[in-house]
Amino acid sequence: MTTPSQRRGRLARAPHPRAWPRSASPLLRGLLFVLGLVVVAPITAGLASDEDRRTPVVRAVERAQPAVVNVSADQAVAVQRDPFFDQFFNDFFEARPRRQRYTRTSLGSGVIVRPDGYVLTNAHVVARGQNIKVVLADERELVARVVGVDADADIAVLKVDGGTLPHLEFGNSEDLMIGETVIAIGNPFGFSHTVTTGVISAVRRSLKSEGRTYLDFIQTDASINPGNSGGPLLNIRGELIGINTAIYGGAQNIGFAIPAKRASQVVADLIRYGEVRRSYLGIQVQDLTPELASALGIEARHGVVVREVEEDGPGRTAGLAPGDVILEIDGHDVRDRSEFDERAAAAAVGSTLRLTIQRGSERRDLAVAARELTDDRIDEVGWRHLGLKVKDKSRSDAVAITSVRRGSPADRAGIRPGDLLVALNGVATESVGAYRRALSALRAAGEAQLAVQRGPAQYRLTLPVD
């Protein structure tokens, strides 16, 4: 019979498997080795494959997706009834209105840009909308209020109350590279949090629509479909570099995004002031035609000619003079008056613009400080270019015209004091503030469309802008 100490001795003397005699265990050693591969290899391989699959795109989406939201708004839509059915109905029942109204939901996307609930989306997503709601990635549905809208930039800011929320800060859209990978997240056709990838096809694209020029869009081939509007465009690091806003009709995989730099300026103004502060340079320009270039003795093919410089304006302070030809603004070639006016108006108040001009045979660079376009100056634009002065009226859907400048476009069109201005360039002028916002968009327009009411009759007029 063995004692415990003897048993411990035997255990202590038990040979380690690696010390087994070669002659006794080759088959056993092989079986154990194969068994180890069968058990351990799938585990380590699974861990390695998961890590390999987490590409930069996956990591970027994981970082950004919680800040992407679905935006919906109820919109009233008028539908004409069938005249035959109306007659039949009225023959037997009390007459009813010929038009009925119902609501439909406009879907779009958005991105939370501040942890306290500020949401960035497109202005056209919430235009004329009511009962705006935001659905978060965790499926919470929150009521949203509109903080501010800038139709010129197609940007709107909403506010929701949901505590501290995941958000994305603006990235750098100034160093984008053609061909670099980008990611779009949104809700195309109502399919929430859909991810598409592509590359940057071009930068600084200009689009013209309804007489306006929209500048510096990012062009991408990442699929952007209806419902993606307002969603984020990300770089491979998951940084917010743009806001998806437009699809090129009739083509596949041609989409456009507002650069983050422009969007961040608009958002900051909308949150702080409720509207975008417009800037001005205090100069009037006209297109450089071949005839003007010949008369001025220059060879430039593109640019604008300074026609007028305000006495106390920023342009006069910087040294601009009538007859100067502006060739570049902040390093961008100036092709026409529309582009120049858009770039000047988009400058942040207080920023400095670098102008490259040609005066005779000499080229020089000038720095012009952009000043805020105050209400008084906007009113002066209306008086100088259209010949109108207005004031608020008790009715909430129009402003009253108080003065018409003799010889002005408004005077030549027959507009008189006492008429009501209902709309300017498609913008309802229900207040002096709305009228001023519409005036500030007259920058590059060669004409203005007015809806004027006199008594019960309403007229639509097109006026040249002096």
Protein backbone atom coordinates (compact mmCIF):
# COMPACT_ATOMS: atom_id res chain seq x y z
CA MET A 1 0.00 0.00 0.00
CA THR A 2 1.41 3.38 -0.95
CA THR A 3 1.47 6.37 1.33
CA PRO A 4 0.38 9.89 0.26
CA SER A 5 3.99 11.01 0.19
CA GLN A 6 4.86 8.14 -2.09
CA ARG A 7 1.95 9.03 -4.41
CA ARG A 8 3.09 12.63 -4.48
CA GLY A 9 6.52 11.43 -5.36
CA ARG A 10 5.19 9.38 -8.22
CA LEU A 11 3.21 12.37 -9.52
CA ALA A 12 6.19 14.61 -9.19
CA ARG A 13 8.22 12.13 -11.20
CA ALA A 14 5.59 11.79 -13.97
CA PRO A 15 7.29 12.62 -17.29
CA HIS A 16 6.32 15.76 -19.21
CA PRO A 17 4.76 14.92 -22.60
CA ARG A 18 7.73 16.47 -24.34
CA ALA A 19 9.90 14.04 -22.38
CA TRP A 20 8.00 10.97 -23.54
CA PRO A 21 10.16 8.47 -25.32
CA ARG A 22 10.13 8.98 -29.06
CA SER A 23 9.58 5.31 -29.68
CA ALA A 24 6.48 5.27 -27.48
CA SER A 25 4.47 8.34 -28.70
CA PRO A 26 4.93 9.54 -32.32
CA LEU A 27 1.34 8.72 -33.24
CA LEU A 28 -0.01 10.23 -30.03
CA ARG A 29 2.00 13.40 -30.50
CA GLY A 30 0.67 13.77 -34.04
CA LEU A 31 -2.91 13.28 -32.96
CA LEU A 32 -2.58 15.88 -30.22
CA PHE A 33 -1.06 18.36 -32.68
CA VAL A 34 -3.89 17.89 -35.19
CA LEU A 35 -6.47 18.18 -32.41
CA GLY A 36 -4.93 21.49 -31.37
CA LEU A 37 -5.21 22.84 -34.89
CA VAL A 38 -8.82 21.78 -35.15
CA VAL A 39 -9.80 23.44 -31.87
CA VAL A 40 -7.57 26.56 -31.75
CA ALA A 41 -7.18 27.55 -35.41
CA PRO A 42 -10.85 28.44 -36.07
CA ILE A 43 -10.90 30.66 -32.99
CA THR A 44 -7.78 32.60 -33.91
CA ALA A 45 -8.80 32.69 -37.57
CA GLY A 46 -12.22 34.08 -36.61
CA LEU A 47 -10.63 36.82 -34.55
CA ALA A 48 -8.24 37.70 -37.35
CA SER A 49 -10.93 37.72 -40.02
CA ASP A 50 -13.19 40.04 -37.98
CA GLU A 51 -10.35 42.48 -37.64
CA ASP A 52 -9.51 42.21 -41.32
CA ARG A 53 -13.14 42.92 -42.23
CA ARG A 54 -13.26 46.11 -40.14
CA THR A 55 -12.00 48.28 -42.97
CA PRO A 56 -11.59 52.08 -42.72
CA VAL A 57 -15.05 52.43 -44.29
CA VAL A 58 -16.60 50.23 -41.58
CA ARG A 59 -14.86 52.18 -38.83
CA ALA A 60 -15.96 55.50 -40.35
CA VAL A 61 -19.58 54.35 -40.55
CA GLU A 62 -19.51 53.01 -36.98
CA ARG A 63 -18.29 56.38 -35.80
CA ALA A 64 -20.72 58.54 -37.77
CA GLN A 65 -23.93 56.55 -38.06
CA PRO A 66 -25.33 57.33 -34.56
CA ALA A 67 -25.40 61.05 -35.49
CA VAL A 68 -27.43 60.55 -38.71
CA VAL A 69 -31.19 61.10 -38.43
CA ASN A 70 -34.34 60.77 -40.50
CA VAL A 71 -36.28 64.01 -41.00
CA SER A 72 -39.98 64.11 -41.88
CA ALA A 73 -42.43 66.98 -42.27
CA ASP A 74 -46.13 67.09 -43.06
CA GLN A 75 -46.94 69.22 -46.09
CA ALA A 76 -50.34 70.50 -47.19
CA VAL A 77 -51.18 69.67 -50.80
CA ALA A 78 -54.14 71.04 -52.75
CA VAL A 79 -55.92 68.71 -55.17
CA GLN A 80 -58.52 69.74 -57.76
CA ARG A 81 -61.72 67.75 -57.51
CA ASP A 82 -63.38 66.15 -60.49
CA PRO A 83 -65.94 68.68 -61.87
CA PHE A 84 -68.46 66.00 -62.93
CA PHE A 85 -68.46 64.38 -59.50
CA ASP A 86 -68.74 67.81 -57.85
CA GLN A 87 -71.86 68.60 -59.87
CA PHE A 88 -73.39 65.24 -58.98
CA PHE A 89 -72.55 65.77 -55.30
CA ASN A 90 -73.96 69.31 -55.23
CA ASP A 91 -77.23 68.21 -56.82
CA PHE A 92 -78.07 66.11 -53.79
CA PHE A 93 -76.04 67.52 -50.90
CA GLU A 94 -74.79 70.82 -49.58
CA ALA A 95 -72.16 72.41 -51.79
CA ARG A 96 -68.60 71.74 -50.72
CA PRO A 97 -65.28 73.38 -51.58
CA ARG A 98 -63.87 72.46 -54.97
CA ARG A 99 -60.42 71.86 -53.48
CA GLN A 100 -59.50 69.57 -50.66
CA ARG A 101 -56.29 69.51 -48.65
CA TYR A 102 -54.42 66.57 -47.28
CA THR A 103 -50.94 66.03 -45.91
CA ARG A 104 -48.10 63.93 -47.09
CA THR A 105 -44.77 63.26 -45.43
CA SER A 106 -41.60 64.62 -46.96
CA LEU A 107 -38.65 62.40 -46.06
CA GLY A 108 -35.07 63.51 -45.90
CA SER A 109 -31.94 63.08 -43.84
CA GLY A 110 -30.02 65.13 -41.34
CA VAL A 111 -26.99 65.05 -39.11
CA ILE A 112 -26.62 66.14 -35.49
CA VAL A 113 -23.83 68.72 -35.37
CA ARG A 114 -23.96 69.67 -31.67
CA PRO A 115 -24.52 67.42 -28.64
CA ASP A 116 -27.33 69.64 -27.33
CA GLY A 117 -29.59 68.69 -30.24
CA TYR A 118 -28.89 70.97 -33.22
CA VAL A 119 -29.62 69.11 -36.44
CA LEU A 120 -28.41 70.17 -39.90
CA THR A 121 -30.49 69.32 -42.96
CA ASN A 122 -31.46 70.81 -46.33
CA ALA A 123 -33.85 73.75 -46.52
CA HIS A 124 -35.90 72.01 -49.21
CA VAL A 125 -36.48 69.03 -46.89
CA VAL A 126 -38.46 71.15 -44.42
CA ALA A 127 -39.74 73.84 -46.81
CA ARG A 128 -43.39 74.67 -46.09
CA GLY A 129 -43.43 71.74 -43.68
CA GLN A 130 -45.42 71.32 -40.51
CA ASN A 131 -45.07 68.92 -37.59
CA ILE A 132 -41.40 68.26 -38.26
CA LYS A 133 -40.04 65.14 -36.58
CA VAL A 134 -36.60 63.61 -36.28
CA VAL A 135 -35.97 59.87 -35.86
CA LEU A 136 -32.65 59.00 -34.23
CA ALA A 137 -30.50 55.96 -34.94
CA ASP A 138 -31.80 54.37 -31.70
CA GLU A 139 -35.35 54.77 -33.15
CA ARG A 140 -36.40 57.54 -30.76
CA GLU A 141 -38.77 60.00 -32.44
CA LEU A 142 -38.40 63.64 -31.37
CA VAL A 143 -40.37 66.74 -32.27
CA ALA A 144 -38.16 69.36 -33.96
CA ARG A 145 -38.47 73.12 -34.27
CA VAL A 146 -36.89 75.20 -37.02
CA VAL A 147 -34.08 77.42 -35.73
CA GLY A 148 -33.34 79.05 -39.07
CA VAL A 149 -33.35 78.49 -42.83
CA ASP A 150 -31.07 79.80 -45.55
CA ALA A 151 -32.67 79.01 -48.90
CA ASP A 152 -29.67 80.42 -50.81
CA ALA A 153 -27.38 77.76 -49.35
CA ASP A 154 -30.20 75.16 -49.07
CA ILE A 155 -29.43 74.70 -45.37
CA ALA A 156 -31.79 74.50 -42.39
CA VAL A 157 -31.04 74.03 -38.71
CA LEU A 158 -33.48 72.18 -36.44
CA LYS A 159 -33.48 71.78 -32.64
CA VAL A 160 -34.58 68.70 -30.73
CA ASP A 161 -34.61 68.01 -26.99
CA GLY A 162 -33.19 64.59 -26.33
CA GLY A 163 -30.42 65.11 -23.79
CA THR A 164 -26.81 64.74 -24.83
CA LEU A 165 -26.80 63.26 -28.32
CA PRO A 166 -24.10 61.71 -30.54
CA HIS A 167 -22.89 64.29 -33.04
CA LEU A 168 -20.41 64.97 -35.81
CA GLU A 169 -18.15 68.00 -35.91
CA PHE A 170 -17.30 69.66 -39.21
CA GLY A 171 -14.19 68.41 -40.95
CA ASN A 172 -11.90 70.11 -43.46
CA SER A 173 -13.36 70.47 -46.95
CA GLU A 174 -10.52 72.66 -48.23
CA ASP A 175 -7.98 69.91 -48.92
CA LEU A 176 -10.17 67.37 -50.71
CA MET A 177 -8.46 65.19 -53.30
CA ILE A 178 -9.98 64.01 -56.57
CA GLY A 179 -10.43 60.25 -56.33
CA GLU A 180 -10.40 59.97 -52.53
CA THR A 181 -12.98 57.66 -50.99
CA VAL A 182 -16.15 59.22 -49.58
CA ILE A 183 -19.17 57.78 -47.79
CA ALA A 184 -22.79 58.96 -47.93
CA ILE A 185 -25.29 58.04 -45.22
CA GLY A 186 -28.97 58.83 -45.46
CA ASN A 187 -32.51 57.60 -45.91
CA PRO A 188 -33.04 57.05 -49.65
CA PHE A 189 -36.67 56.27 -50.44
CA GLY A 190 -37.30 55.96 -46.70
CA PHE A 191 -34.75 53.16 -46.13
CA SER A 192 -33.12 54.49 -42.99
CA HIS A 193 -29.37 54.65 -42.46
CA THR A 194 -28.36 53.43 -45.89
CA VAL A 195 -24.63 53.60 -46.60
CA THR A 196 -23.11 54.11 -50.04
CA THR A 197 -19.50 54.70 -51.03
CA GLY A 198 -17.73 56.31 -53.94
CA VAL A 199 -15.05 58.83 -54.72
CA ILE A 200 -14.81 62.57 -55.12
CA SER A 201 -15.30 63.19 -58.81
CA ALA A 202 -14.66 66.95 -58.77
CA VAL A 203 -14.58 69.93 -56.44
CA ARG A 204 -15.68 73.56 -56.79
CA ARG A 205 -18.46 72.66 -59.19
CA SER A 206 -20.85 75.48 -60.11
CA LEU A 207 -24.52 74.81 -60.82
CA LYS A 208 -26.99 77.21 -62.42
CA SER A 209 -30.68 77.04 -61.61
CA GLU A 210 -33.49 79.55 -62.07
CA GLY A 211 -31.10 82.39 -62.87
CA ARG A 212 -28.87 81.73 -59.86
CA THR A 213 -25.35 80.35 -59.71
CA TYR A 214 -24.52 77.98 -56.85
CA LEU A 215 -20.82 77.64 -56.23
CA ASP A 216 -18.20 75.22 -54.96
CA PHE A 217 -20.19 72.00 -54.73
CA ILE A 218 -18.43 68.70 -54.12
CA GLN A 219 -19.26 66.25 -56.92
CA THR A 220 -19.30 62.57 -56.02
CA ASP A 221 -20.31 59.27 -57.60
CA ALA A 222 -21.48 57.84 -54.26
CA SER A 223 -25.13 56.96 -54.85
CA ILE A 224 -27.32 59.84 -53.64
CA ASN A 225 -31.03 59.21 -54.09
CA PRO A 226 -34.23 61.00 -53.05
CA GLY A 227 -34.25 60.97 -49.27
CA ASN A 228 -30.46 61.34 -48.96
CA SER A 229 -30.81 65.14 -48.99
CA GLY A 230 -29.44 66.64 -45.81
CA GLY A 231 -27.37 63.60 -44.91
CA PRO A 232 -23.61 63.68 -44.31
CA LEU A 233 -20.83 63.10 -46.80
CA LEU A 234 -17.85 61.63 -44.93
CA ASN A 235 -14.21 61.06 -45.72
CA ILE A 236 -12.47 57.78 -44.93
CA ARG A 237 -11.80 59.00 -41.38
CA GLY A 238 -15.50 59.49 -40.71
CA GLU A 239 -15.19 63.28 -40.72
CA LEU A 240 -18.07 65.45 -41.95
CA ILE A 241 -16.85 67.08 -45.17
CA GLY A 242 -20.16 67.88 -46.88
CA ILE A 243 -23.95 67.84 -46.83
CA ASN A 244 -25.63 65.88 -49.63
CA THR A 245 -28.04 68.17 -51.41
CA ALA A 246 -28.58 67.58 -55.12
CA ILE A 247 -28.88 64.89 -57.74
CA TYR A 248 -28.17 65.54 -61.39
CA GLY A 249 -31.36 64.60 -63.25
CA GLY A 250 -31.09 62.12 -66.09
CA ALA A 251 -27.76 60.72 -64.95
CA GLN A 252 -26.56 57.96 -62.64
CA ASN A 253 -24.13 58.43 -59.77
CA ILE A 254 -23.68 62.18 -60.17
CA GLY A 255 -24.45 63.85 -56.87
CA PHE A 256 -23.46 67.10 -55.22
CA ALA A 257 -22.74 68.13 -51.65
CA ILE A 258 -22.35 71.47 -49.88
CA PRO A 259 -18.76 71.76 -48.57
CA ALA A 260 -18.38 71.64 -44.79
CA LYS A 261 -16.69 75.05 -44.67
CA ARG A 262 -19.70 76.77 -46.23
CA ALA A 263 -22.20 74.74 -44.19
CA SER A 264 -20.44 75.49 -40.89
CA GLN A 265 -20.56 79.26 -41.54
CA VAL A 266 -24.28 79.14 -42.31
CA VAL A 267 -25.05 76.93 -39.29
CA ALA A 268 -23.17 79.24 -36.94
CA ASP A 269 -25.16 82.27 -38.16
CA LEU A 270 -28.50 80.47 -38.04
CA ILE A 271 -27.94 79.28 -34.48
CA ARG A 272 -26.67 82.63 -33.26
CA TYR A 273 -28.88 85.06 -35.19
CA GLY A 274 -31.70 82.97 -36.66
CA GLU A 275 -30.64 84.08 -40.15
CA VAL A 276 -27.47 84.39 -42.20
CA ARG A 277 -25.68 87.71 -41.97
CA ARG A 278 -25.01 88.92 -45.50
CA SER A 279 -21.81 90.70 -46.42
CA TYR A 280 -21.04 93.34 -49.03
CA LEU A 281 -17.95 94.94 -50.58
CA GLY A 282 -19.46 98.27 -51.62
CA ILE A 283 -18.83 97.88 -55.35
CA GLN A 284 -20.91 97.27 -58.47
CA VAL A 285 -19.45 95.21 -61.29
CA GLN A 286 -20.34 94.16 -64.83
CA ASP A 287 -19.19 91.33 -67.09
CA LEU A 288 -15.94 91.77 -69.00
CA THR A 289 -16.91 91.59 -72.66
CA PRO A 290 -14.41 91.40 -75.55
CA GLU A 291 -15.36 94.98 -76.43
CA LEU A 292 -14.64 96.19 -72.88
CA ALA A 293 -11.36 94.27 -72.76
CA SER A 294 -10.28 95.90 -76.01
CA ALA A 295 -11.28 99.36 -74.79
CA LEU A 296 -9.35 98.84 -71.53
CA GLY A 297 -6.32 97.48 -73.37
CA ILE A 298 -6.17 94.13 -71.58
CA GLU A 299 -6.00 90.56 -72.87
CA ALA A 300 -8.02 88.85 -70.12
CA ARG A 301 -10.91 86.72 -71.38
CA HIS A 302 -12.74 86.33 -68.08
CA GLY A 303 -13.39 88.69 -65.23
CA VAL A 304 -15.60 91.56 -64.12
CA VAL A 305 -15.13 95.29 -64.48
CA VAL A 306 -15.69 97.58 -61.49
CA ARG A 307 -18.43 99.95 -62.55
CA GLU A 308 -19.11 101.80 -59.31
CA VAL A 309 -17.40 102.15 -55.92
CA GLU A 310 -19.32 103.43 -52.90
CA GLU A 311 -17.68 106.37 -51.16
CA ASP A 312 -17.61 104.80 -47.70
CA GLY A 313 -17.57 101.15 -48.73
CA PRO A 314 -14.94 98.45 -48.13
CA GLY A 315 -13.91 98.48 -51.79
CA ARG A 316 -12.95 102.16 -51.69
CA THR A 317 -11.01 101.58 -48.46
CA ALA A 318 -9.07 98.73 -50.13
CA GLY A 319 -8.14 100.94 -53.11
CA LEU A 320 -10.53 99.70 -55.81
CA ALA A 321 -11.46 102.18 -58.53
CA PRO A 322 -13.90 102.21 -61.47
CA GLY A 323 -12.34 100.51 -64.49
CA ASP A 324 -10.39 97.94 -62.47
CA VAL A 325 -10.78 94.40 -63.80
CA ILE A 326 -11.17 91.76 -61.10
CA LEU A 327 -9.61 88.50 -62.30
CA GLU A 328 -9.61 86.37 -59.14
CA ILE A 329 -11.30 86.28 -55.75
CA ASP A 330 -9.62 84.20 -53.04
CA GLY A 331 -7.66 82.31 -55.68
CA HIS A 332 -10.72 81.43 -57.78
CA ASP A 333 -10.97 82.66 -61.35
CA VAL A 334 -13.86 85.07 -61.81
CA ARG A 335 -15.80 84.14 -64.94
CA ASP A 336 -18.75 86.51 -64.76
CA ARG A 337 -20.70 88.92 -62.58
CA SER A 338 -22.95 86.19 -61.22
CA GLU A 339 -20.03 84.18 -59.88
CA PHE A 340 -18.33 87.24 -58.40
CA ASP A 341 -21.47 88.42 -56.61
CA GLU A 342 -22.15 84.95 -55.21
CA ARG A 343 -18.62 84.60 -53.85
CA ALA A 344 -18.65 88.08 -52.36
CA ALA A 345 -22.04 87.54 -50.71
CA ALA A 346 -20.98 84.14 -49.32
CA ALA A 347 -17.99 85.64 -47.51
CA ALA A 348 -18.30 85.61 -43.74
CA VAL A 349 -18.86 89.02 -42.20
CA GLY A 350 -15.51 90.34 -40.98
CA SER A 351 -13.47 88.07 -43.25
CA THR A 352 -10.90 89.41 -45.71
CA LEU A 353 -11.14 88.63 -49.41
CA ARG A 354 -8.08 88.61 -51.65
CA LEU A 355 -8.76 90.18 -55.05
CA THR A 356 -6.41 89.97 -58.00
CA ILE A 357 -7.06 92.93 -60.27
CA GLN A 358 -5.65 94.40 -63.43
CA ARG A 359 -5.39 98.16 -63.80
CA GLY A 360 -4.07 99.02 -67.22
CA SER A 361 -0.98 96.90 -67.77
CA GLU A 362 -0.37 96.33 -64.06
CA ARG A 363 -1.58 93.40 -61.94
CA ARG A 364 -1.90 93.74 -58.21
CA ASP A 365 -3.48 92.04 -55.18
CA LEU A 366 -5.84 93.86 -52.85
CA ALA A 367 -7.36 92.80 -49.52
CA VAL A 368 -10.99 93.79 -48.99
CA ALA A 369 -12.73 93.39 -45.62
CA ALA A 370 -16.32 92.14 -45.96
CA ARG A 371 -18.78 94.22 -43.94
CA GLU A 372 -22.25 93.24 -42.80
CA LEU A 373 -25.07 94.12 -45.15
CA THR A 374 -27.25 96.10 -42.74
CA ASP A 375 -31.00 96.69 -43.07
CA ASP A 376 -30.39 100.29 -44.14
CA ARG A 377 -28.12 99.17 -46.97
CA ILE A 378 -30.56 96.48 -48.06
CA ASP A 379 -33.33 99.09 -48.19
CA GLU A 380 -31.00 101.22 -50.29
CA VAL A 381 -30.62 98.27 -52.70
CA GLY A 382 -34.40 98.16 -53.12
CA TRP A 383 -34.60 101.91 -53.69
CA ARG A 384 -31.65 102.05 -56.08
CA HIS A 385 -32.26 98.90 -58.15
CA LEU A 386 -36.05 98.59 -58.12
CA GLY A 387 -37.20 102.02 -57.00
CA LEU A 388 -39.31 100.79 -54.05
CA LYS A 389 -39.80 101.51 -50.38
CA VAL A 390 -42.15 99.36 -48.33
CA LYS A 391 -43.58 99.03 -44.83
CA ASP A 392 -45.39 96.34 -42.85
CA LYS A 393 -49.14 96.14 -43.17
CA SER A 394 -51.82 94.66 -40.94
CA ARG A 395 -52.44 91.78 -43.36
CA SER A 396 -49.73 89.18 -42.89
CA ASP A 397 -49.24 88.09 -46.50
CA ALA A 398 -47.92 91.31 -48.10
CA VAL A 399 -46.08 94.59 -47.50
CA ALA A 400 -47.39 98.00 -48.54
CA ILE A 401 -45.45 100.03 -51.14
CA THR A 402 -44.99 103.53 -49.71
CA SER A 403 -42.75 105.20 -52.32
CA VAL A 404 -41.77 104.67 -55.96
CA ARG A 405 -38.68 106.39 -57.34
CA ARG A 406 -39.42 108.41 -60.48
CA GLY A 407 -37.89 106.85 -63.58
CA SER A 408 -37.11 103.58 -61.79
CA PRO A 409 -38.04 100.11 -63.13
CA ALA A 410 -41.01 100.04 -60.74
CA ASP A 411 -42.18 103.46 -61.95
CA ARG A 412 -41.88 102.47 -65.61
CA ALA A 413 -43.91 99.31 -64.88
CA GLY A 414 -46.76 101.40 -63.45
CA ILE A 415 -46.39 100.45 -59.79
CA ARG A 416 -47.83 103.10 -57.48
CA PRO A 417 -47.74 103.89 -53.73
CA GLY A 418 -50.52 102.00 -52.01
CA ASP A 419 -50.03 98.83 -54.05
CA LEU A 420 -49.21 95.66 -52.12
CA LEU A 421 -46.08 93.62 -52.81
CA VAL A 422 -47.01 89.96 -52.34
CA ALA A 423 -43.82 88.26 -53.55
CA LEU A 424 -40.36 89.04 -54.90
CA ASN A 425 -38.49 86.46 -56.97
CA GLY A 426 -40.73 83.69 -55.67
CA VAL A 427 -40.25 84.66 -52.01
CA ALA A 428 -43.43 85.60 -50.15
CA THR A 429 -42.98 89.14 -48.79
CA GLU A 430 -45.27 88.86 -45.78
CA SER A 431 -43.09 91.29 -43.80
CA VAL A 432 -40.36 93.87 -44.29
CA GLY A 433 -37.90 91.27 -43.01
CA ALA A 434 -38.95 88.81 -45.71
CA TYR A 435 -38.72 91.58 -48.31
CA ARG A 436 -35.17 92.35 -47.21
CA ARG A 437 -34.18 88.69 -47.40
CA ALA A 438 -35.54 88.53 -50.94
CA LEU A 439 -33.67 91.74 -51.83
CA SER A 440 -30.38 90.34 -50.57
CA ALA A 441 -30.75 87.55 -53.16
CA LEU A 442 -30.97 90.07 -56.02
CA ARG A 443 -27.19 90.23 -56.12
CA ALA A 444 -26.54 88.78 -59.53
CA ALA A 445 -30.01 88.86 -61.00
CA GLY A 446 -30.54 90.83 -64.16
CA GLU A 447 -34.27 90.98 -63.51
CA ALA A 448 -36.78 90.62 -60.71
CA GLN A 449 -40.20 88.94 -60.68
CA LEU A 450 -42.80 90.75 -58.59
CA ALA A 451 -46.33 89.82 -57.56
CA VAL A 452 -48.20 93.10 -56.97
CA GLN A 453 -51.78 93.51 -55.80
CA ARG A 454 -53.97 96.53 -56.47
CA GLY A 455 -57.46 96.22 -55.07
CA PRO A 456 -58.78 92.72 -55.77
CA ALA A 457 -56.51 92.15 -58.77
CA GLN A 458 -53.02 90.66 -58.58
CA TYR A 459 -50.39 91.15 -61.28
CA ARG A 460 -47.10 89.46 -62.02
CA LEU A 461 -44.39 91.72 -63.38
CA THR A 462 -40.80 91.22 -64.51
CA LEU A 463 -38.58 94.25 -63.93
CA PRO A 464 -35.03 94.87 -65.11
CA VAL A 465 -32.65 95.47 -62.21
CA ASP A 466 -30.92 98.85 -62.57
